[in-house]
Amino acid sequence: MKTFKSLTGWAASIVFCISMFHLPAFAQEKPTLSDAEVASVAVVANQIDINYAKLAKEKSKNADVLKFAETMASDHKAVIDQAVALVTKLGVTPKDNAVSKQLLSDADKTMKTLRTKSGRAFDKAYIDNEVAYHKAVISAVEGLLIPESENAELKALLQSIVPALNAHLEHAQMVQKQFSGK
């Protein structure tokens, strides 16, 4: 499905934007995104986290990590479903862009690294990545995607997911505590 593929690109872009917000030079070079590009970044970012969760469910034996991964897969799939329904309603075709492409590229590198780990090392790397990823996504949604959205419904959808992203971050940080200092 072309729309879903484009939405997947959106999710990756969120991650890139998030990581870029931590670089001082980026603030001066903030990308300008159309609603179609914002939609793409949102879908890509969500799909990336679903992919991370899928890998965690394959590799982890830790009950807390598995529960977290299941929550990520379920919640981020629901966001993608909402985004697909909205872009379909609006007649918008998500459009790949530099942000979504960078997100996908970075996610590919992260997946390769995660695949090389096992046991406790995998669990720690996965949950550490989830903490960083959610911080980046929250930053990108609040600092780039919401401000760049022109359509009120798209903007409202993005605003509505911020509390869930914050809850995901808190959950990841809680799980992360069991891996610190050991």
Protein backbone atom coordinates (compact mmCIF):
# COMPACT_ATOMS: atom_id res chain seq x y z
CA MET A 1 0.00 0.00 0.00
CA LYS A 2 1.60 3.23 -1.18
CA THR A 3 0.09 5.38 1.56
CA PHE A 4 1.35 3.09 4.32
CA LYS A 5 4.84 3.03 2.83
CA SER A 6 4.89 6.82 2.71
CA LEU A 7 3.63 7.00 6.28
CA THR A 8 6.47 4.74 7.32
CA GLY A 9 8.85 7.36 5.96
CA TRP A 10 7.20 9.91 8.20
CA ALA A 11 8.08 8.01 11.34
CA ALA A 12 11.76 7.84 10.48
CA SER A 13 11.89 11.55 9.91
CA ILE A 14 10.62 12.22 13.40
CA VAL A 15 13.58 10.42 14.86
CA PHE A 16 15.98 12.40 12.70
CA CYS A 17 14.34 15.64 13.68
CA ILE A 18 14.51 14.73 17.30
CA SER A 19 18.18 13.92 17.22
CA MET A 20 18.81 17.05 15.19
CA PHE A 21 17.10 19.28 17.75
CA HIS A 22 19.97 18.55 20.07
CA LEU A 23 22.46 20.07 17.63
CA PRO A 24 22.77 23.86 17.89
CA ALA A 25 23.16 24.37 14.14
CA PHE A 26 19.89 22.60 13.42
CA ALA A 27 17.79 25.30 15.02
CA GLN A 28 18.93 27.66 12.28
CA GLU A 29 18.28 25.08 9.53
CA LYS A 30 14.91 23.70 10.66
CA PRO A 31 13.28 22.04 7.66
CA THR A 32 10.05 23.31 6.19
CA LEU A 33 7.58 20.47 5.73
CA SER A 34 4.25 20.27 3.93
CA ASP A 35 1.37 18.43 5.58
CA ALA A 36 2.09 15.46 3.28
CA GLU A 37 5.69 15.43 4.51
CA VAL A 38 4.64 15.82 8.15
CA ALA A 39 2.29 12.86 7.71
CA SER A 40 5.12 10.82 6.23
CA VAL A 41 7.46 11.60 9.12
CA ALA A 42 4.80 10.71 11.69
CA VAL A 43 4.05 7.34 10.16
CA VAL A 44 7.71 6.47 9.68
CA ALA A 45 8.57 7.32 13.28
CA ASN A 46 5.78 5.10 14.55
CA GLN A 47 6.68 2.23 12.24
CA ILE A 48 10.31 2.40 13.36
CA ASP A 49 9.28 1.92 16.97
CA ILE A 50 7.02 -0.98 15.98
CA ASN A 51 10.02 -2.56 14.26
CA TYR A 52 12.18 -2.07 17.37
CA ALA A 53 9.43 -3.66 19.48
CA LYS A 54 9.15 -6.61 17.12
CA LEU A 55 12.88 -7.26 17.48
CA ALA A 56 12.62 -6.96 21.28
CA LYS A 57 9.79 -9.50 21.33
CA GLU A 58 12.01 -11.90 19.35
CA LYS A 59 15.21 -11.42 21.36
CA SER A 60 14.30 -10.55 24.94
CA LYS A 61 13.37 -12.85 27.79
CA ASN A 62 12.92 -9.99 30.29
CA ALA A 63 9.26 -9.65 31.31
CA ASP A 64 9.45 -5.85 31.72
CA VAL A 65 11.13 -5.38 28.34
CA LEU A 66 8.61 -7.69 26.67
CA LYS A 67 5.67 -5.85 28.25
CA PHE A 68 7.12 -2.51 27.16
CA ALA A 69 7.70 -3.81 23.61
CA GLU A 70 4.13 -5.08 23.41
CA THR A 71 2.83 -1.67 24.51
CA MET A 72 5.02 0.06 21.89
CA ALA A 73 3.83 -2.22 19.09
CA SER A 74 0.17 -1.80 20.02
CA ASP A 75 0.18 1.94 20.72
CA HIS A 76 2.27 2.93 17.70
CA LYS A 77 0.14 0.75 15.40
CA ALA A 78 -2.92 2.61 16.68
CA VAL A 79 -1.28 5.95 15.85
CA ILE A 80 -0.44 4.75 12.34
CA ASP A 81 -4.04 3.61 11.89
CA GLN A 82 -5.27 7.06 12.98
CA ALA A 83 -2.81 8.79 10.66
CA VAL A 84 -3.77 6.61 7.69
CA ALA A 85 -7.47 7.26 8.35
CA LEU A 86 -6.83 11.00 8.54
CA VAL A 87 -4.73 11.28 5.38
CA THR A 88 -7.27 9.13 3.54
CA LYS A 89 -10.08 11.42 4.74
CA LEU A 90 -8.10 14.51 3.73
CA GLY A 91 -7.00 13.06 0.41
CA VAL A 92 -3.35 13.63 1.30
CA THR A 93 -0.67 11.29 0.05
CA PRO A 94 2.22 11.24 2.52
CA LYS A 95 5.43 12.37 0.85
CA ASP A 96 8.91 11.08 1.64
CA ASN A 97 11.40 13.79 2.44
CA ALA A 98 14.89 14.33 3.82
CA VAL A 99 13.68 13.96 7.40
CA SER A 100 11.86 10.67 6.81
CA LYS A 101 14.75 9.28 4.78
CA GLN A 102 17.24 10.15 7.52
CA LEU A 103 15.01 8.55 10.14
CA LEU A 104 14.90 5.33 8.16
CA SER A 105 18.65 5.36 7.63
CA ASP A 106 19.32 5.92 11.33
CA ALA A 107 16.81 3.24 12.31
CA ASP A 108 18.50 0.75 9.99
CA LYS A 109 21.83 1.37 11.73
CA THR A 110 20.22 1.02 15.15
CA MET A 111 18.53 -2.26 14.16
CA LYS A 112 21.84 -3.66 12.92
CA THR A 113 23.46 -2.79 16.25
CA LEU A 114 20.59 -4.24 18.27
CA ARG A 115 20.70 -7.48 16.27
CA THR A 116 24.32 -8.05 17.35
CA LYS A 117 23.35 -8.10 21.04
CA SER A 118 21.70 -10.72 23.18
CA GLY A 119 20.51 -11.28 26.72
CA ARG A 120 20.92 -8.45 29.19
CA ALA A 121 23.12 -6.49 26.73
CA PHE A 122 20.27 -6.51 24.21
CA ASP A 123 17.68 -5.51 26.81
CA LYS A 124 19.81 -2.59 27.99
CA ALA A 125 20.60 -1.41 24.46
CA TYR A 126 16.94 -1.70 23.43
CA ILE A 127 15.57 0.21 26.41
CA ASP A 128 18.34 2.84 26.26
CA ASN A 129 17.43 3.38 22.62
CA GLU A 130 13.74 3.63 23.49
CA VAL A 131 14.46 6.37 26.05
CA ALA A 132 16.54 8.34 23.55
CA TYR A 133 14.10 7.67 20.70
CA HIS A 134 11.08 8.89 22.66
CA LYS A 135 12.91 12.01 23.82
CA ALA A 136 13.77 12.74 20.19
CA VAL A 137 10.27 12.01 18.91
CA ILE A 138 8.65 14.23 21.52
CA SER A 139 11.04 17.02 20.61
CA ALA A 140 10.34 16.57 16.90
CA VAL A 141 6.57 16.41 17.30
CA GLU A 142 6.44 19.49 19.52
CA GLY A 143 9.20 21.49 17.85
CA LEU A 144 8.78 20.60 14.18
CA LEU A 145 5.73 18.57 13.19
CA ILE A 146 3.05 20.47 15.11
CA PRO A 147 4.39 23.92 14.11
CA GLU A 148 4.78 22.82 10.48
CA SER A 149 1.27 21.35 10.22
CA GLU A 150 -1.18 23.60 8.43
CA ASN A 151 -4.21 21.32 8.59
CA ALA A 152 -6.05 21.67 11.90
CA GLU A 153 -6.98 17.96 12.07
CA LEU A 154 -3.39 16.86 11.45
CA LYS A 155 -2.16 19.30 14.07
CA ALA A 156 -4.78 18.04 16.54
CA LEU A 157 -3.79 14.42 15.92
CA LEU A 158 -0.14 15.24 16.59
CA GLN A 159 -1.03 17.18 19.73
CA SER A 160 -3.17 14.28 20.95
CA ILE A 161 -0.30 11.79 20.80
CA VAL A 162 2.15 13.84 22.89
CA PRO A 163 0.75 12.62 26.25
CA ALA A 164 1.11 8.99 25.10
CA LEU A 165 4.68 9.65 23.94
CA ASN A 166 5.45 11.15 27.35
CA ALA A 167 3.93 8.09 29.04
CA HIS A 168 6.06 5.83 26.82
CA LEU A 169 9.16 7.79 27.82
CA GLU A 170 8.31 7.46 31.51
CA HIS A 171 7.66 3.73 31.09
CA ALA A 172 10.97 3.28 29.25
CA GLN A 173 12.83 5.22 31.94
CA MET A 174 11.23 3.04 34.63
CA VAL A 175 12.36 -0.14 32.85
CA GLN A 176 15.77 1.40 32.20
CA LYS A 177 16.41 1.72 35.95
CA GLN A 178 16.81 -2.04 36.29
CA PHE A 179 19.76 -1.91 33.88
CA SER A 180 21.61 1.05 35.39
CA GLY A 181 24.72 0.50 37.47
CA LYS A 182 24.87 -3.25 36.92
